[in-house]
Amino acid sequence: MSKAGSISSGNKSQGSSGSGVPRNSPPIPRNRFQKSGNQAVYEVKETEDTVIYRVDLPGCPASDLQYWVDGNNVHFFADEPAMSEYDHDGRKYGGTMVFNPVAYDVSGAKAKLRDGVLWITVPKVPGVDIKLTVVEKMLNCKITRDDVV
């Protein structure tokens, strides 16, 4: 009986922590399928002459990528194909990046989608030294059936 009691108390202590993970193990990442690397949906890197955006678009083929430059904006959209055998409609991705036209030559922007990763490269204007700032804004709105025509 004492043996069962000690096993039971051992399970309780593991259960109360919420996981059976040993105390010395590294923290569990938010994406349990990703073993290493940055877990953000996008990353921004600056080099001497360009700024590079890396955006995850899993499942999207390069043939579905649409991007265009409009003034100092770079827009992109891509669709993941539907998979009817899994009852999956496919996800839709898209976004807009706004650049300071004094510091970046947006007309020279290039985009490449490879293996579900979108790479957008925008050249800097030579001789201009302005610090890159990233501002995220999201518009949240609820769409109801009445809104759809």
C-alpha atoms as a PDB file:
ATOM      1  CA  MET A   1       0.000   0.000   0.000  1.00  0.00           C
ATOM      2  CA  SER A   2       2.828   2.397   0.725  1.00  0.00           C
ATOM      3  CA  LYS A   3       4.286   1.544  -2.684  1.00  0.00           C
ATOM      4  CA  ALA A   4       1.043   2.544  -4.430  1.00  0.00           C
ATOM      5  CA  GLY A   5       0.858   5.652  -2.273  1.00  0.00           C
ATOM      6  CA  SER A   6       4.341   6.780  -3.307  1.00  0.00           C
ATOM      7  CA  ILE A   7       3.567   6.175  -6.978  1.00  0.00           C
ATOM      8  CA  SER A   8       0.327   8.070  -6.605  1.00  0.00           C
ATOM      9  CA  SER A   9       2.001  11.014  -4.898  1.00  0.00           C
ATOM     10  CA  GLY A  10       4.651  11.055  -7.645  1.00  0.00           C
ATOM     11  CA  ASN A  11       1.948  11.278 -10.287  1.00  0.00           C
ATOM     12  CA  LYS A  12       0.170  14.009  -8.366  1.00  0.00           C
ATOM     13  CA  SER A  13       3.285  16.156  -8.258  1.00  0.00           C
ATOM     14  CA  GLN A  14       3.774  15.729 -12.001  1.00  0.00           C
ATOM     15  CA  GLY A  15       0.095  16.339 -12.688  1.00  0.00           C
ATOM     16  CA  SER A  16      -0.041  19.493 -10.582  1.00  0.00           C
ATOM     17  CA  SER A  17       2.723  21.120 -12.627  1.00  0.00           C
ATOM     18  CA  GLY A  18       0.630  20.643 -15.760  1.00  0.00           C
ATOM     19  CA  SER A  19       3.162  18.466 -17.550  1.00  0.00           C
ATOM     20  CA  GLY A  20       5.343  15.427 -17.037  1.00  0.00           C
ATOM     21  CA  VAL A  21       8.448  17.333 -18.169  1.00  0.00           C
ATOM     22  CA  PRO A  22      11.545  17.119 -15.951  1.00  0.00           C
ATOM     23  CA  ARG A  23      12.546  20.366 -14.237  1.00  0.00           C
ATOM     24  CA  ASN A  24      15.917  20.630 -16.024  1.00  0.00           C
ATOM     25  CA  SER A  25      14.521  20.346 -19.559  1.00  0.00           C
ATOM     26  CA  PRO A  26      14.407  23.420 -21.848  1.00  0.00           C
ATOM     27  CA  PRO A  27      11.097  25.307 -22.152  1.00  0.00           C
ATOM     28  CA  ILE A  28       8.544  23.874 -24.546  1.00  0.00           C
ATOM     29  CA  PRO A  29       8.211  26.107 -27.622  1.00  0.00           C
ATOM     30  CA  ARG A  30       4.825  27.555 -28.589  1.00  0.00           C
ATOM     31  CA  ASN A  31       4.884  25.567 -31.844  1.00  0.00           C
ATOM     32  CA  ARG A  32       5.480  22.006 -30.672  1.00  0.00           C
ATOM     33  CA  PHE A  33       6.370  20.907 -34.216  1.00  0.00           C
ATOM     34  CA  GLN A  34       9.164  23.465 -34.624  1.00  0.00           C
ATOM     35  CA  LYS A  35      12.380  22.398 -32.933  1.00  0.00           C
ATOM     36  CA  SER A  36      14.532  25.518 -33.393  1.00  0.00           C
ATOM     37  CA  GLY A  37      14.652  28.974 -34.938  1.00  0.00           C
ATOM     38  CA  ASN A  38      12.578  32.112 -34.596  1.00  0.00           C
ATOM     39  CA  GLN A  39       8.907  31.334 -34.044  1.00  0.00           C
ATOM     40  CA  ALA A  40       7.575  34.647 -35.312  1.00  0.00           C
ATOM     41  CA  VAL A  41       5.469  34.567 -38.472  1.00  0.00           C
ATOM     42  CA  TYR A  42       7.883  37.053 -40.044  1.00  0.00           C
ATOM     43  CA  GLU A  43      11.408  38.353 -39.494  1.00  0.00           C
ATOM     44  CA  VAL A  44      13.101  41.546 -40.624  1.00  0.00           C
ATOM     45  CA  LYS A  45      16.845  41.792 -41.267  1.00  0.00           C
ATOM     46  CA  GLU A  46      18.821  44.798 -42.417  1.00  0.00           C
ATOM     47  CA  THR A  47      22.033  44.629 -44.388  1.00  0.00           C
ATOM     48  CA  GLU A  48      24.171  47.539 -45.559  1.00  0.00           C
ATOM     49  CA  ASP A  49      22.230  47.969 -48.782  1.00  0.00           C
ATOM     50  CA  THR A  50      18.860  46.170 -48.317  1.00  0.00           C
ATOM     51  CA  VAL A  51      16.134  45.226 -45.900  1.00  0.00           C
ATOM     52  CA  ILE A  52      14.913  41.633 -46.080  1.00  0.00           C
ATOM     53  CA  TYR A  53      11.536  40.363 -44.880  1.00  0.00           C
ATOM     54  CA  ARG A  54      11.053  36.629 -44.321  1.00  0.00           C
ATOM     55  CA  VAL A  55       7.368  35.643 -44.077  1.00  0.00           C
ATOM     56  CA  ASP A  56       6.076  32.111 -43.451  1.00  0.00           C
ATOM     57  CA  LEU A  57       3.348  31.048 -45.911  1.00  0.00           C
ATOM     58  CA  PRO A  58       3.142  27.286 -45.327  1.00  0.00           C
ATOM     59  CA  GLY A  59       1.591  25.232 -48.085  1.00  0.00           C
ATOM     60  CA  CYS A  60       1.573  28.033 -50.678  1.00  0.00           C
ATOM     61  CA  PRO A  61       3.146  27.243 -54.046  1.00  0.00           C
ATOM     62  CA  ALA A  62       5.256  29.910 -55.762  1.00  0.00           C
ATOM     63  CA  SER A  63       2.794  29.970 -58.667  1.00  0.00           C
ATOM     64  CA  ASP A  64       0.086  31.412 -56.356  1.00  0.00           C
ATOM     65  CA  LEU A  65       2.180  34.362 -55.133  1.00  0.00           C
ATOM     66  CA  GLN A  66       0.928  37.784 -56.161  1.00  0.00           C
ATOM     67  CA  TYR A  67       2.846  40.887 -55.153  1.00  0.00           C
ATOM     68  CA  TRP A  68       2.971  44.451 -56.370  1.00  0.00           C
ATOM     69  CA  VAL A  69       4.415  47.828 -55.451  1.00  0.00           C
ATOM     70  CA  ASP A  70       2.057  50.763 -54.950  1.00  0.00           C
ATOM     71  CA  GLY A  71       3.860  53.989 -54.039  1.00  0.00           C
ATOM     72  CA  ASN A  72       5.850  53.179 -50.908  1.00  0.00           C
ATOM     73  CA  ASN A  73       3.865  49.981 -50.196  1.00  0.00           C
ATOM     74  CA  VAL A  74       4.637  46.369 -51.044  1.00  0.00           C
ATOM     75  CA  HIS A  75       1.537  44.145 -51.081  1.00  0.00           C
ATOM     76  CA  PHE A  76       1.507  40.344 -51.230  1.00  0.00           C
ATOM     77  CA  PHE A  77      -1.096  37.575 -51.367  1.00  0.00           C
ATOM     78  CA  ALA A  78      -0.898  33.795 -51.677  1.00  0.00           C
ATOM     79  CA  ASP A  79      -3.387  30.960 -51.276  1.00  0.00           C
ATOM     80  CA  GLU A  80      -2.840  27.484 -49.944  1.00  0.00           C
ATOM     81  CA  PRO A  81      -4.588  25.006 -52.272  1.00  0.00           C
ATOM     82  CA  ALA A  82      -7.758  23.342 -51.043  1.00  0.00           C
ATOM     83  CA  MET A  83      -7.549  19.659 -50.162  1.00  0.00           C
ATOM     84  CA  SER A  84     -11.032  18.196 -50.489  1.00  0.00           C
ATOM     85  CA  GLU A  85      -9.941  14.746 -49.305  1.00  0.00           C
ATOM     86  CA  TYR A  86      -9.174  16.310 -45.893  1.00  0.00           C
ATOM     87  CA  ASP A  87     -12.148  18.720 -45.955  1.00  0.00           C
ATOM     88  CA  HIS A  88      -9.667  21.621 -45.943  1.00  0.00           C
ATOM     89  CA  ASP A  89     -10.473  24.819 -47.851  1.00  0.00           C
ATOM     90  CA  GLY A  90      -6.918  26.161 -47.773  1.00  0.00           C
ATOM     91  CA  ARG A  91      -5.614  29.183 -45.922  1.00  0.00           C
ATOM     92  CA  LYS A  92      -5.290  32.651 -47.422  1.00  0.00           C
ATOM     93  CA  TYR A  93      -2.283  34.849 -46.667  1.00  0.00           C
ATOM     94  CA  GLY A  94      -1.674  38.490 -47.421  1.00  0.00           C
ATOM     95  CA  GLY A  95      -0.146  41.650 -46.117  1.00  0.00           C
ATOM     96  CA  THR A  96       1.181  45.106 -46.827  1.00  0.00           C
ATOM     97  CA  MET A  97       4.549  46.579 -45.915  1.00  0.00           C
ATOM     98  CA  VAL A  98       4.898  50.364 -45.876  1.00  0.00           C
ATOM     99  CA  PHE A  99       8.378  51.804 -46.406  1.00  0.00           C
ATOM    100  CA  ASN A 100       9.846  55.252 -45.898  1.00  0.00           C
ATOM    101  CA  PRO A 101      10.455  56.453 -49.493  1.00  0.00           C
ATOM    102  CA  VAL A 102      13.361  58.640 -48.330  1.00  0.00           C
ATOM    103  CA  ALA A 103      15.344  55.601 -47.138  1.00  0.00           C
ATOM    104  CA  TYR A 104      14.126  52.731 -49.366  1.00  0.00           C
ATOM    105  CA  ASP A 105      13.846  52.295 -53.140  1.00  0.00           C
ATOM    106  CA  VAL A 106      10.522  50.438 -53.087  1.00  0.00           C
ATOM    107  CA  SER A 107      10.365  50.346 -56.896  1.00  0.00           C
ATOM    108  CA  GLY A 108      13.311  47.911 -56.773  1.00  0.00           C
ATOM    109  CA  ALA A 109      11.532  45.464 -54.423  1.00  0.00           C
ATOM    110  CA  LYS A 110      11.761  41.788 -55.311  1.00  0.00           C
ATOM    111  CA  ALA A 111       9.744  38.883 -53.888  1.00  0.00           C
ATOM    112  CA  LYS A 112      10.450  35.170 -54.052  1.00  0.00           C
ATOM    113  CA  LEU A 113       8.397  32.330 -52.549  1.00  0.00           C
ATOM    114  CA  ARG A 114      10.358  29.136 -51.979  1.00  0.00           C
ATOM    115  CA  ASP A 115       9.328  26.126 -49.879  1.00  0.00           C
ATOM    116  CA  GLY A 116       6.534  28.071 -48.160  1.00  0.00           C
ATOM    117  CA  VAL A 117       8.777  31.004 -47.209  1.00  0.00           C
ATOM    118  CA  LEU A 118       8.340  34.420 -48.820  1.00  0.00           C
ATOM    119  CA  TRP A 119      11.476  36.561 -49.140  1.00  0.00           C
ATOM    120  CA  ILE A 120      10.917  40.250 -49.897  1.00  0.00           C
ATOM    121  CA  THR A 121      14.045  42.308 -50.530  1.00  0.00           C
ATOM    122  CA  VAL A 122      13.893  46.095 -50.739  1.00  0.00           C
ATOM    123  CA  PRO A 123      17.047  48.077 -51.584  1.00  0.00           C
ATOM    124  CA  LYS A 124      18.083  51.071 -49.491  1.00  0.00           C
ATOM    125  CA  VAL A 125      18.699  54.502 -50.995  1.00  0.00           C
ATOM    126  CA  PRO A 126      22.487  54.977 -51.013  1.00  0.00           C
ATOM    127  CA  GLY A 127      23.819  57.591 -48.610  1.00  0.00           C
ATOM    128  CA  VAL A 128      20.668  57.756 -46.463  1.00  0.00           C
ATOM    129  CA  ASP A 129      21.050  56.486 -42.918  1.00  0.00           C
ATOM    130  CA  ILE A 130      17.612  56.112 -41.335  1.00  0.00           C
ATOM    131  CA  LYS A 131      16.876  53.493 -38.695  1.00  0.00           C
ATOM    132  CA  LEU A 132      14.312  50.891 -39.760  1.00  0.00           C
ATOM    133  CA  THR A 133      11.172  50.923 -37.636  1.00  0.00           C
ATOM    134  CA  VAL A 134       8.536  48.211 -37.807  1.00  0.00           C
ATOM    135  CA  VAL A 135       5.007  49.128 -36.768  1.00  0.00           C
ATOM    136  CA  GLU A 136       2.346  46.430 -36.689  1.00  0.00           C
ATOM    137  CA  LYS A 137      -1.298  47.321 -36.933  1.00  0.00           C
ATOM    138  CA  MET A 138      -4.133  44.872 -37.300  1.00  0.00           C
ATOM    139  CA  LEU A 139      -7.712  45.632 -38.125  1.00  0.00           C
ATOM    140  CA  ASN A 140     -10.099  43.326 -36.331  1.00  0.00           C
ATOM    141  CA  CYS A 141     -13.652  43.317 -37.556  1.00  0.00           C
ATOM    142  CA  LYS A 142     -16.388  40.756 -37.323  1.00  0.00           C
ATOM    143  CA  ILE A 143     -18.127  39.907 -40.566  1.00  0.00           C
ATOM    144  CA  THR A 144     -21.642  38.555 -40.344  1.00  0.00           C
ATOM    145  CA  ARG A 145     -23.895  37.005 -42.968  1.00  0.00           C
ATOM    146  CA  ASP A 146     -25.708  40.334 -43.283  1.00  0.00           C
ATOM    147  CA  ASP A 147     -22.457  41.982 -44.428  1.00  0.00           C
ATOM    148  CA  VAL A 148     -21.943  39.511 -47.289  1.00  0.00           C
ATOM    149  CA  VAL A 149     -23.818  40.398 -50.456  1.00  0.00           C
END
